């Protein structure tokens, strides 16, 4: 969804290439409400 000029708010999913698992981040929050998700360098967190 749009925030001012750009669509910067939405849903994020993580796909693990090794396990082939797909998981949604922040599923407890309302839809289309996360911004700027990014991995930690140790791959433990987003």
ModelCIF file with pLDDT and N, C-alpha, C, O atoms, coordinates in Angstrom:
data_MODEL
#
_entry.id   MODEL 
#
_entity.id                         1 
_entity.type                       polymer 
_entity.pdbx_number_of_molecules   1 
#
_entity_poly.entity_id                      1 
_entity_poly.type                           'polypeptide(L)' 
_entity_poly.nstd_linkage                   no 
_entity_poly.nstd_monomer                   no 
_entity_poly.pdbx_seq_one_letter_code       
;(UNK)(UNK)(UNK)(UNK)(UNK)(UNK)(UNK)(UNK)(UNK)(UNK)(UNK)(UNK)(UNK)(UNK)(UNK)(UNK)
(UNK)(UNK)(UNK)(UNK)(UNK)(UNK)(UNK)(UNK)(UNK)(UNK)(UNK)(UNK)(UNK)(UNK)(UNK)(UNK)
(UNK)(UNK)(UNK)(UNK)(UNK)(UNK)(UNK)(UNK)(UNK)(UNK)(UNK)(UNK)(UNK)(UNK)
;
_entity_poly.pdbx_seq_one_letter_code_can   XXXXXXXXXXXXXXXXXXXXXXXXXXXXXXXXXXXXXXXXXXXXXX 
_entity_poly.pdbx_strand_id                 A 
#
loop_
_entity_poly_seq.entity_id 
_entity_poly_seq.num 
_entity_poly_seq.mon_id 
_entity_poly_seq.hetero 
1 1  UNK n 
1 2  UNK n 
1 3  UNK n 
1 4  UNK n 
1 5  UNK n 
1 6  UNK n 
1 7  UNK n 
1 8  UNK n 
1 9  UNK n 
1 10 UNK n 
1 11 UNK n 
1 12 UNK n 
1 13 UNK n 
1 14 UNK n 
1 15 UNK n 
1 16 UNK n 
1 17 UNK n 
1 18 UNK n 
1 19 UNK n 
1 20 UNK n 
1 21 UNK n 
1 22 UNK n 
1 23 UNK n 
1 24 UNK n 
1 25 UNK n 
1 26 UNK n 
1 27 UNK n 
1 28 UNK n 
1 29 UNK n 
1 30 UNK n 
1 31 UNK n 
1 32 UNK n 
1 33 UNK n 
1 34 UNK n 
1 35 UNK n 
1 36 UNK n 
1 37 UNK n 
1 38 UNK n 
1 39 UNK n 
1 40 UNK n 
1 41 UNK n 
1 42 UNK n 
1 43 UNK n 
1 44 UNK n 
1 45 UNK n 
1 46 UNK n 
#
_struct_asym.id          A 
_struct_asym.entity_id   1 
#
loop_
_ma_qa_metric.id 
_ma_qa_metric.mode 
_ma_qa_metric.name 
_ma_qa_metric.software_group_id 
_ma_qa_metric.type 
1 global pLDDT . pLDDT 
2 local  pLDDT . pLDDT 
#
_ma_qa_metric_global.metric_id      1 
_ma_qa_metric_global.metric_value   92.78 
_ma_qa_metric_global.model_id       1 
_ma_qa_metric_global.ordinal_id     1 
#
loop_
_ma_qa_metric_local.label_asym_id 
_ma_qa_metric_local.label_comp_id 
_ma_qa_metric_local.label_seq_id 
_ma_qa_metric_local.metric_id 
_ma_qa_metric_local.metric_value 
_ma_qa_metric_local.model_id 
_ma_qa_metric_local.ordinal_id 
A UNK 1  2 90.00 1 1  
A UNK 2  2 86.00 1 2  
A UNK 3  2 87.00 1 3  
A UNK 4  2 82.00 1 4  
A UNK 5  2 80.00 1 5  
A UNK 6  2 85.00 1 6  
A UNK 7  2 86.00 1 7  
A UNK 8  2 90.00 1 8  
A UNK 9  2 93.00 1 9  
A UNK 10 2 94.00 1 10 
A UNK 11 2 96.00 1 11 
A UNK 12 2 96.00 1 12 
A UNK 13 2 96.00 1 13 
A UNK 14 2 96.00 1 14 
A UNK 15 2 95.00 1 15 
A UNK 16 2 94.00 1 16 
A UNK 17 2 94.00 1 17 
A UNK 18 2 92.00 1 18 
A UNK 19 2 93.00 1 19 
A UNK 20 2 93.00 1 20 
A UNK 21 2 93.00 1 21 
A UNK 22 2 95.00 1 22 
A UNK 23 2 94.00 1 23 
A UNK 24 2 95.00 1 24 
A UNK 25 2 96.00 1 25 
A UNK 26 2 94.00 1 26 
A UNK 27 2 92.00 1 27 
A UNK 28 2 94.00 1 28 
A UNK 29 2 95.00 1 29 
A UNK 30 2 95.00 1 30 
A UNK 31 2 93.00 1 31 
A UNK 32 2 93.00 1 32 
A UNK 33 2 95.00 1 33 
A UNK 34 2 97.00 1 34 
A UNK 35 2 96.00 1 35 
A UNK 36 2 96.00 1 36 
A UNK 37 2 96.00 1 37 
A UNK 38 2 95.00 1 38 
A UNK 39 2 95.00 1 39 
A UNK 40 2 95.00 1 40 
A UNK 41 2 93.00 1 41 
A UNK 42 2 91.00 1 42 
A UNK 43 2 90.00 1 43 
A UNK 44 2 91.00 1 44 
A UNK 45 2 95.00 1 45 
A UNK 46 2 96.00 1 46 
#
loop_
_atom_site.group_PDB 
_atom_site.id 
_atom_site.type_symbol 
_atom_site.label_atom_id 
_atom_site.label_alt_id 
_atom_site.label_comp_id 
_atom_site.label_asym_id 
_atom_site.label_entity_id 
_atom_site.label_seq_id 
_atom_site.pdbx_PDB_ins_code 
_atom_site.Cartn_x 
_atom_site.Cartn_y 
_atom_site.Cartn_z 
_atom_site.occupancy 
_atom_site.B_iso_or_equiv 
_atom_site.pdbx_formal_charge 
_atom_site.auth_seq_id 
_atom_site.auth_comp_id 
_atom_site.auth_asym_id 
_atom_site.auth_atom_id 
_atom_site.pdbx_PDB_model_num 
ATOM 1   N N  . UNK A 1 1  ? 0.857  -1.179  0.000  1.00 90.00 ? 1  UNK A N  1 
ATOM 2   C CA . UNK A 1 1  ? 0.000  0.000   0.000  1.00 90.00 ? 1  UNK A CA 1 
ATOM 3   C C  . UNK A 1 1  ? 0.894  1.229   0.000  1.00 90.00 ? 1  UNK A C  1 
ATOM 4   O O  . UNK A 1 1  ? 2.072  1.166   0.349  1.00 90.00 ? 1  UNK A O  1 
ATOM 5   N N  . UNK A 1 2  ? 0.310  2.338   -0.396 1.00 86.00 ? 2  UNK A N  1 
ATOM 6   C CA . UNK A 1 2  ? 1.085  3.548   -0.639 1.00 86.00 ? 2  UNK A CA 1 
ATOM 7   C C  . UNK A 1 2  ? 1.307  4.347   0.636  1.00 86.00 ? 2  UNK A C  1 
ATOM 8   O O  . UNK A 1 2  ? 0.393  4.532   1.440  1.00 86.00 ? 2  UNK A O  1 
ATOM 9   N N  . UNK A 1 3  ? 2.534  4.815   0.803  1.00 87.00 ? 3  UNK A N  1 
ATOM 10  C CA . UNK A 1 3  ? 2.870  5.792   1.833  1.00 87.00 ? 3  UNK A CA 1 
ATOM 11  C C  . UNK A 1 3  ? 3.484  6.981   1.099  1.00 87.00 ? 3  UNK A C  1 
ATOM 12  O O  . UNK A 1 3  ? 4.610  6.891   0.609  1.00 87.00 ? 3  UNK A O  1 
ATOM 13  N N  . UNK A 1 4  ? 2.760  8.083   1.020  1.00 82.00 ? 4  UNK A N  1 
ATOM 14  C CA . UNK A 1 4  ? 3.156  9.248   0.246  1.00 82.00 ? 4  UNK A CA 1 
ATOM 15  C C  . UNK A 1 4  ? 3.372  8.872   -1.218 1.00 82.00 ? 4  UNK A C  1 
ATOM 16  O O  . UNK A 1 4  ? 2.402  8.561   -1.910 1.00 82.00 ? 4  UNK A O  1 
ATOM 17  N N  . UNK A 1 5  ? 4.591  8.890   -1.705 1.00 80.00 ? 5  UNK A N  1 
ATOM 18  C CA . UNK A 1 5  ? 4.793  8.658   -3.135 1.00 80.00 ? 5  UNK A CA 1 
ATOM 19  C C  . UNK A 1 5  ? 4.919  7.176   -3.495 1.00 80.00 ? 5  UNK A C  1 
ATOM 20  O O  . UNK A 1 5  ? 4.600  6.787   -4.618 1.00 80.00 ? 5  UNK A O  1 
ATOM 21  N N  . UNK A 1 6  ? 5.372  6.359   -2.571 1.00 85.00 ? 6  UNK A N  1 
ATOM 22  C CA . UNK A 1 6  ? 5.745  4.995   -2.923 1.00 85.00 ? 6  UNK A CA 1 
ATOM 23  C C  . UNK A 1 6  ? 4.981  3.961   -2.106 1.00 85.00 ? 6  UNK A C  1 
ATOM 24  O O  . UNK A 1 6  ? 4.500  4.241   -1.009 1.00 85.00 ? 6  UNK A O  1 
ATOM 25  N N  . UNK A 1 7  ? 4.884  2.773   -2.663 1.00 86.00 ? 7  UNK A N  1 
ATOM 26  C CA . UNK A 1 7  ? 4.265  1.650   -1.952 1.00 86.00 ? 7  UNK A CA 1 
ATOM 27  C C  . UNK A 1 7  ? 5.308  0.989   -1.065 1.00 86.00 ? 7  UNK A C  1 
ATOM 28  O O  . UNK A 1 7  ? 5.977  0.043   -1.478 1.00 86.00 ? 7  UNK A O  1 
ATOM 29  N N  . UNK A 1 8  ? 5.440  1.492   0.152  1.00 90.00 ? 8  UNK A N  1 
ATOM 30  C CA . UNK A 1 8  ? 6.481  1.007   1.057  1.00 90.00 ? 8  UNK A CA 1 
ATOM 31  C C  . UNK A 1 8  ? 5.928  0.212   2.234  1.00 90.00 ? 8  UNK A C  1 
ATOM 32  O O  . UNK A 1 8  ? 6.689  -0.214  3.103  1.00 90.00 ? 8  UNK A O  1 
ATOM 33  N N  . UNK A 1 9  ? 4.632  0.009   2.272  1.00 93.00 ? 9  UNK A N  1 
ATOM 34  C CA . UNK A 1 9  ? 4.022  -0.753  3.358  1.00 93.00 ? 9  UNK A CA 1 
ATOM 35  C C  . UNK A 1 9  ? 3.344  -1.977  2.748  1.00 93.00 ? 9  UNK A C  1 
ATOM 36  O O  . UNK A 1 9  ? 2.624  -1.859  1.756  1.00 93.00 ? 9  UNK A O  1 
ATOM 37  N N  . UNK A 1 10 ? 3.573  -3.151  3.336  1.00 94.00 ? 10 UNK A N  1 
ATOM 38  C CA . UNK A 1 10 ? 2.973  -4.357  2.762  1.00 94.00 ? 10 UNK A CA 1 
ATOM 39  C C  . UNK A 1 10 ? 3.214  -5.583  3.617  1.00 94.00 ? 10 UNK A C  1 
ATOM 40  O O  . UNK A 1 10 ? 3.444  -5.481  4.822  1.00 94.00 ? 10 UNK A O  1 
ATOM 41  N N  . UNK A 1 11 ? 3.157  -6.759  2.975  1.00 96.00 ? 11 UNK A N  1 
ATOM 42  C CA . UNK A 1 11 ? 3.409  -8.036  3.638  1.00 96.00 ? 11 UNK A CA 1 
ATOM 43  C C  . UNK A 1 11 ? 4.759  -8.587  3.192  1.00 96.00 ? 11 UNK A C  1 
ATOM 44  O O  . UNK A 1 11 ? 5.194  -8.361  2.063  1.00 96.00 ? 11 UNK A O  1 
ATOM 45  N N  . UNK A 1 12 ? 5.418  -9.317  4.100  1.00 96.00 ? 12 UNK A N  1 
ATOM 46  C CA . UNK A 1 12 ? 6.710  -9.938  3.799  1.00 96.00 ? 12 UNK A CA 1 
ATOM 47  C C  . UNK A 1 12 ? 6.646  -11.438 4.068  1.00 96.00 ? 12 UNK A C  1 
ATOM 48  O O  . UNK A 1 12 ? 6.058  -11.897 5.047  1.00 96.00 ? 12 UNK A O  1 
ATOM 49  N N  . UNK A 1 13 ? 7.272  -12.178 3.165  1.00 96.00 ? 13 UNK A N  1 
ATOM 50  C CA . UNK A 1 13 ? 7.404  -13.620 3.295  1.00 96.00 ? 13 UNK A CA 1 
ATOM 51  C C  . UNK A 1 13 ? 8.874  -14.004 3.141  1.00 96.00 ? 13 UNK A C  1 
ATOM 52  O O  . UNK A 1 13 ? 9.605  -13.391 2.363  1.00 96.00 ? 13 UNK A O  1 
ATOM 53  N N  . UNK A 1 14 ? 9.302  -15.027 3.890  1.00 96.00 ? 14 UNK A N  1 
ATOM 54  C CA . UNK A 1 14 ? 10.657 -15.549 3.768  1.00 96.00 ? 14 UNK A CA 1 
ATOM 55  C C  . UNK A 1 14 ? 10.600 -16.956 3.176  1.00 96.00 ? 14 UNK A C  1 
ATOM 56  O O  . UNK A 1 14 ? 9.879  -17.825 3.666  1.00 96.00 ? 14 UNK A O  1 
ATOM 57  N N  . UNK A 1 15 ? 11.377 -17.160 2.112  1.00 95.00 ? 15 UNK A N  1 
ATOM 58  C CA . UNK A 1 15 ? 11.486 -18.488 1.509  1.00 95.00 ? 15 UNK A CA 1 
ATOM 59  C C  . UNK A 1 15 ? 12.903 -18.998 1.727  1.00 95.00 ? 15 UNK A C  1 
ATOM 60  O O  . UNK A 1 15 ? 13.875 -18.340 1.355  1.00 95.00 ? 15 UNK A O  1 
ATOM 61  N N  . UNK A 1 16 ? 13.010 -20.186 2.337  1.00 94.00 ? 16 UNK A N  1 
ATOM 62  C CA . UNK A 1 16 ? 14.297 -20.821 2.612  1.00 94.00 ? 16 UNK A CA 1 
ATOM 63  C C  . UNK A 1 16 ? 14.643 -21.730 1.436  1.00 94.00 ? 16 UNK A C  1 
ATOM 64  O O  . UNK A 1 16 ? 13.940 -22.704 1.168  1.00 94.00 ? 16 UNK A O  1 
ATOM 65  N N  . UNK A 1 17 ? 15.731 -21.406 0.736  1.00 94.00 ? 17 UNK A N  1 
ATOM 66  C CA . UNK A 1 17 ? 16.086 -22.166 -0.458 1.00 94.00 ? 17 UNK A CA 1 
ATOM 67  C C  . UNK A 1 17 ? 16.504 -23.596 -0.137 1.00 94.00 ? 17 UNK A C  1 
ATOM 68  O O  . UNK A 1 17 ? 16.354 -24.489 -0.971 1.00 94.00 ? 17 UNK A O  1 
ATOM 69  N N  . UNK A 1 18 ? 17.029 -23.818 1.072  1.00 92.00 ? 18 UNK A N  1 
ATOM 70  C CA . UNK A 1 18 ? 17.466 -25.166 1.439  1.00 92.00 ? 18 UNK A CA 1 
ATOM 71  C C  . UNK A 1 18 ? 16.288 -26.037 1.868  1.00 92.00 ? 18 UNK A C  1 
ATOM 72  O O  . UNK A 1 18 ? 16.110 -27.142 1.356  1.00 92.00 ? 18 UNK A O  1 
ATOM 73  N N  . UNK A 1 19 ? 15.498 -25.546 2.795  1.00 93.00 ? 19 UNK A N  1 
ATOM 74  C CA . UNK A 1 19 ? 14.373 -26.346 3.306  1.00 93.00 ? 19 UNK A CA 1 
ATOM 75  C C  . UNK A 1 19 ? 13.124 -26.232 2.436  1.00 93.00 ? 19 UNK A C  1 
ATOM 76  O O  . UNK A 1 19 ? 12.192 -27.027 2.561  1.00 93.00 ? 19 UNK A O  1 
ATOM 77  N N  . UNK A 1 20 ? 13.119 -25.219 1.542  1.00 93.00 ? 20 UNK A N  1 
ATOM 78  C CA . UNK A 1 20 ? 11.970 -24.944 0.665  1.00 93.00 ? 20 UNK A CA 1 
ATOM 79  C C  . UNK A 1 20 ? 10.714 -24.600 1.460  1.00 93.00 ? 20 UNK A C  1 
ATOM 80  O O  . UNK A 1 20 ? 9.591  -24.879 1.038  1.00 93.00 ? 20 UNK A O  1 
ATOM 81  N N  . UNK A 1 21 ? 10.934 -23.989 2.619  1.00 93.00 ? 21 UNK A N  1 
ATOM 82  C CA . UNK A 1 21 ? 9.812  -23.556 3.455  1.00 93.00 ? 21 UNK A CA 1 
ATOM 83  C C  . UNK A 1 21 ? 9.503  -22.089 3.191  1.00 93.00 ? 21 UNK A C  1 
ATOM 84  O O  . UNK A 1 21 ? 10.399 -21.287 2.931  1.00 93.00 ? 21 UNK A O  1 
ATOM 85  N N  . UNK A 1 22 ? 8.223  -21.755 3.262  1.00 95.00 ? 22 UNK A N  1 
ATOM 86  C CA . UNK A 1 22 ? 7.757  -20.390 3.088  1.00 95.00 ? 22 UNK A CA 1 
ATOM 87  C C  . UNK A 1 22 ? 7.019  -19.967 4.350  1.00 95.00 ? 22 UNK A C  1 
ATOM 88  O O  . UNK A 1 22 ? 6.099  -20.652 4.797  1.00 95.00 ? 22 UNK A O  1 
ATOM 89  N N  . UNK A 1 23 ? 7.432  -18.817 4.933  1.00 94.00 ? 23 UNK A N  1 
ATOM 90  C CA . UNK A 1 23 ? 6.780  -18.321 6.142  1.00 94.00 ? 23 UNK A CA 1 
ATOM 91  C C  . UNK A 1 23 ? 6.493  -16.837 6.006  1.00 94.00 ? 23 UNK A C  1 
ATOM 92  O O  . UNK A 1 23 ? 7.283  -16.084 5.437  1.00 94.00 ? 23 UNK A O  1 
ATOM 93  N N  . UNK A 1 24 ? 5.348  -16.431 6.538  1.00 95.00 ? 24 UNK A N  1 
ATOM 94  C CA . UNK A 1 24 ? 5.013  -15.011 6.553  1.00 95.00 ? 24 UNK A CA 1 
ATOM 95  C C  . UNK A 1 24 ? 5.568  -14.359 7.814  1.00 95.00 ? 24 UNK A C  1 
ATOM 96  O O  . UNK A 1 24 ? 5.476  -14.920 8.906  1.00 95.00 ? 24 UNK A O  1 
ATOM 97  N N  . UNK A 1 25 ? 6.136  -13.186 7.656  1.00 96.00 ? 25 UNK A N  1 
ATOM 98  C CA . UNK A 1 25 ? 6.614  -12.414 8.795  1.00 96.00 ? 25 UNK A CA 1 
ATOM 99  C C  . UNK A 1 25 ? 5.479  -11.582 9.376  1.00 96.00 ? 25 UNK A C  1 
ATOM 100 O O  . UNK A 1 25 ? 4.571  -11.160 8.660  1.00 96.00 ? 25 UNK A O  1 
ATOM 101 N N  . UNK A 1 26 ? 5.543  -11.355 10.678 1.00 94.00 ? 26 UNK A N  1 
ATOM 102 C CA . UNK A 1 26 ? 4.593  -10.475 11.333 1.00 94.00 ? 26 UNK A CA 1 
ATOM 103 C C  . UNK A 1 26 ? 3.147  -10.853 11.112 1.00 94.00 ? 26 UNK A C  1 
ATOM 104 O O  . UNK A 1 26 ? 2.290  -9.984  10.957 1.00 94.00 ? 26 UNK A O  1 
ATOM 105 N N  . UNK A 1 27 ? 2.874  -12.137 11.097 1.00 92.00 ? 27 UNK A N  1 
ATOM 106 C CA . UNK A 1 27 ? 1.519  -12.600 10.795 1.00 92.00 ? 27 UNK A CA 1 
ATOM 107 C C  . UNK A 1 27 ? 0.499  -12.155 11.843 1.00 92.00 ? 27 UNK A C  1 
ATOM 108 O O  . UNK A 1 27 ? -0.703 -12.150 11.579 1.00 92.00 ? 27 UNK A O  1 
ATOM 109 N N  . UNK A 1 28 ? 0.977  -11.784 13.025 1.00 94.00 ? 28 UNK A N  1 
ATOM 110 C CA . UNK A 1 28 ? 0.045  -11.331 14.069 1.00 94.00 ? 28 UNK A CA 1 
ATOM 111 C C  . UNK A 1 28 ? -0.433 -9.903  13.825 1.00 94.00 ? 28 UNK A C  1 
ATOM 112 O O  . UNK A 1 28 ? -1.429 -9.467  14.402 1.00 94.00 ? 28 UNK A O  1 
ATOM 113 N N  . UNK A 1 29 ? 0.292  -9.170  12.956 1.00 95.00 ? 29 UNK A N  1 
ATOM 114 C CA . UNK A 1 29 ? -0.086 -7.791  12.676 1.00 95.00 ? 29 UNK A CA 1 
ATOM 115 C C  . UNK A 1 29 ? -1.119 -7.734  11.553 1.00 95.00 ? 29 UNK A C  1 
ATOM 116 O O  . UNK A 1 29 ? -1.317 -8.700  10.816 1.00 95.00 ? 29 UNK A O  1 
ATOM 117 N N  . UNK A 1 30 ? -1.761 -6.594  11.445 1.00 95.00 ? 30 UNK A N  1 
ATOM 118 C CA . UNK A 1 30 ? -2.731 -6.428  10.372 1.00 95.00 ? 30 UNK A CA 1 
ATOM 119 C C  . UNK A 1 30 ? -2.047 -6.516  9.014  1.00 95.00 ? 30 UNK A C  1 
ATOM 120 O O  . UNK A 1 30 ? -0.853 -6.246  8.886  1.00 95.00 ? 30 UNK A O  1 
ATOM 121 N N  . UNK A 1 31 ? -2.815 -6.896  8.011  1.00 93.00 ? 31 UNK A N  1 
ATOM 122 C CA . UNK A 1 31 ? -2.268 -7.075  6.669  1.00 93.00 ? 31 UNK A CA 1 
ATOM 123 C C  . UNK A 1 31 ? -1.707 -5.764  6.131  1.00 93.00 ? 31 UNK A C  1 
ATOM 124 O O  . UNK A 1 31 ? -2.200 -4.679  6.441  1.00 93.00 ? 31 UNK A O  1 
ATOM 125 N N  . UNK A 1 32 ? -0.668 -5.894  5.321  1.00 93.00 ? 32 UNK A N  1 
ATOM 126 C CA . UNK A 1 32 ? -0.061 -4.765  4.613  1.00 93.00 ? 32 UNK A CA 1 
ATOM 127 C C  . UNK A 1 32 ? 0.369  -3.654  5.564  1.00 93.00 ? 32 UNK A C  1 
ATOM 128 O O  . UNK A 1 32 ? 0.061  -2.484  5.338  1.00 93.00 ? 32 UNK A O  1 
ATOM 129 N N  . UNK A 1 33 ? 1.093  -4.027  6.644  1.00 95.00 ? 33 UNK A N  1 
ATOM 130 C CA . UNK A 1 33 ? 1.485  -3.015  7.627  1.00 95.00 ? 33 UNK A CA 1 
ATOM 131 C C  . UNK A 1 33 ? 2.964  -3.039  7.984  1.00 95.00 ? 33 UNK A C  1 
ATOM 132 O O  . UNK A 1 33 ? 3.391  -2.278  8.852  1.00 95.00 ? 33 UNK A O  1 
ATOM 133 N N  . UNK A 1 34 ? 3.768  -3.900  7.334  1.00 97.00 ? 34 UNK A N  1 
ATOM 134 C CA . UNK A 1 34 ? 5.200  -3.959  7.629  1.00 97.00 ? 34 UNK A CA 1 
ATOM 135 C C  . UNK A 1 34 ? 5.984  -3.130  6.617  1.00 97.00 ? 34 UNK A C  1 
ATOM 136 O O  . UNK A 1 34 ? 5.581  -2.976  5.464  1.00 97.00 ? 34 UNK A O  1 
ATOM 137 N N  . UNK A 1 35 ? 7.123  -2.597  7.085  1.00 96.00 ? 35 UNK A N  1 
ATOM 138 C CA . UNK A 1 35 ? 7.950  -1.758  6.222  1.00 96.00 ? 35 UNK A CA 1 
ATOM 139 C C  . UNK A 1 35 ? 9.416  -2.142  6.350  1.00 96.00 ? 35 UNK A C  1 
ATOM 140 O O  . UNK A 1 35 ? 9.910  -2.391  7.450  1.00 96.00 ? 35 UNK A O  1 
ATOM 141 N N  . UNK A 1 36 ? 10.113 -2.188  5.204  1.00 96.00 ? 36 UNK A N  1 
ATOM 142 C CA . UNK A 1 36 ? 11.577 -2.233  5.111  1.00 96.00 ? 36 UNK A CA 1 
ATOM 143 C C  . UNK A 1 36 ? 12.217 -3.449  5.781  1.00 96.00 ? 36 UNK A C  1 
ATOM 144 O O  . UNK A 1 36 ? 13.301 -3.338  6.354  1.00 96.00 ? 36 UNK A O  1 
ATOM 145 N N  . UNK A 1 37 ? 11.563 -4.600  5.716  1.00 96.00 ? 37 UNK A N  1 
ATOM 146 C CA . UNK A 1 37 ? 12.131 -5.802  6.333  1.00 96.00 ? 37 UNK A CA 1 
ATOM 147 C C  . UNK A 1 37 ? 13.477 -6.133  5.704  1.00 96.00 ? 37 UNK A C  1 
ATOM 148 O O  . UNK A 1 37 ? 13.668 -6.004  4.495  1.00 96.00 ? 37 UNK A O  1 
ATOM 149 N N  . UNK A 1 38 ? 14.414 -6.566  6.563  1.00 95.00 ? 38 UNK A N  1 
ATOM 150 C CA . UNK A 1 38 ? 15.734 -6.945  6.044  1.00 95.00 ? 38 UNK A CA 1 
ATOM 151 C C  . UNK A 1 38 ? 16.389 -7.955  6.980  1.00 95.00 ? 38 UNK A C  1 
ATOM 152 O O  . UNK A 1 38 ? 16.168 -7.943  8.191  1.00 95.00 ? 38 UNK A O  1 
ATOM 153 N N  . UNK A 1 39 ? 17.208 -8.833  6.383  1.00 95.00 ? 39 UNK A N  1 
ATOM 154 C CA . UNK A 1 39 ? 17.877 -9.902  7.117  1.00 95.00 ? 39 UNK A CA 1 
ATOM 155 C C  . UNK A 1 39 ? 19.026 -9.366  7.957  1.00 95.00 ? 39 UNK A C  1 
ATOM 156 O O  . UNK A 1 39 ? 19.665 -8.380  7.591  1.00 95.00 ? 39 UNK A O  1 
ATOM 157 N N  . UNK A 1 40 ? 19.285 -10.012 9.074  1.00 95.00 ? 40 UNK A N  1 
ATOM 158 C CA . UNK A 1 40 ? 20.535 -9.807  9.797  1.00 95.00 ? 40 UNK A CA 1 
ATOM 159 C C  . UNK A 1 40 ? 21.628 -10.602 9.090  1.00 95.00 ? 40 UNK A C  1 
ATOM 160 O O  . UNK A 1 40 ? 21.346 -11.574 8.389  1.00 95.00 ? 40 UNK A O  1 
ATOM 161 N N  . UNK A 1 41 ? 22.882 -10.179 9.280  1.00 93.00 ? 41 UNK A N  1 
ATOM 162 C CA . UNK A 1 41 ? 23.987 -10.836 8.586  1.00 93.00 ? 41 UNK A CA 1 
ATOM 163 C C  . UNK A 1 41 ? 24.165 -12.288 9.015  1.00 93.00 ? 41 UNK A C  1 
ATOM 164 O O  . UNK A 1 41 ? 24.689 -13.092 8.245  1.00 93.00 ? 41 UNK A O  1 
ATOM 165 N N  . UNK A 1 42 ? 23.736 -12.645 10.243 1.00 91.00 ? 42 UNK A N  1 
ATOM 166 C CA . UNK A 1 42 ? 23.896 -14.021 10.709 1.00 91.00 ? 42 UNK A CA 1 
ATOM 167 C C  . UNK A 1 42 ? 22.704 -14.909 10.343 1.00 91.00 ? 42 UNK A C  1 
ATOM 168 O O  . UNK A 1 42 ? 22.660 -16.082 10.716 1.00 91.00 ? 42 UNK A O  1 
ATOM 169 N N  . UNK A 1 43 ? 21.731 -14.337 9.603  1.00 90.00 ? 43 UNK A N  1 
ATOM 170 C CA . UNK A 1 43 ? 20.563 -15.094 9.125  1.00 90.00 ? 43 UNK A CA 1 
ATOM 171 C C  . UNK A 1 43 ? 19.683 -15.647 10.246 1.00 90.00 ? 43 UNK A C  1 
ATOM 172 O O  . UNK A 1 43 ? 18.968 -16.631 10.059 1.00 90.00 ? 43 UNK A O  1 
ATOM 173 N N  . UNK A 1 44 ? 19.744 -15.007 11.403 1.00 91.00 ? 44 UNK A N  1 
ATOM 174 C CA . UNK A 1 44 ? 18.896 -15.439 12.501 1.00 91.00 ? 44 UNK A CA 1 
ATOM 175 C C  . UNK A 1 44 ? 17.582 -14.670 12.542 1.00 91.00 ? 44 UNK A C  1 
ATOM 176 O O  . UNK A 1 44 ? 16.544 -15.205 12.931 1.00 91.00 ? 44 UNK A O  1 
ATOM 177 N N  . UNK A 1 45 ? 17.645 -13.422 12.138 1.00 95.00 ? 45 UNK A N  1 
ATOM 178 C CA . UNK A 1 45 ? 16.494 -12.541 12.327 1.00 95.00 ? 45 UNK A CA 1 
ATOM 179 C C  . UNK A 1 45 ? 16.189 -11.739 11.063 1.00 95.00 ? 45 UNK A C  1 
ATOM 180 O O  . UNK A 1 45 ? 17.013 -11.586 10.161 1.00 95.00 ? 45 UNK A O  1 
ATOM 181 N N  . UNK A 1 46 ? 14.968 -11.243 11.055 1.00 96.00 ? 46 UNK A N  1 
ATOM 182 C CA . UNK A 1 46 ? 14.575 -10.171 10.141 1.00 96.00 ? 46 UNK A CA 1 
ATOM 183 C C  . UNK A 1 46 ? 14.058 -9.030  11.008 1.00 96.00 ? 46 UNK A C  1 
ATOM 184 O O  . UNK A 1 46 ? 13.657 -7.990  10.485 1.00 96.00 ? 46 UNK A O  1 
#
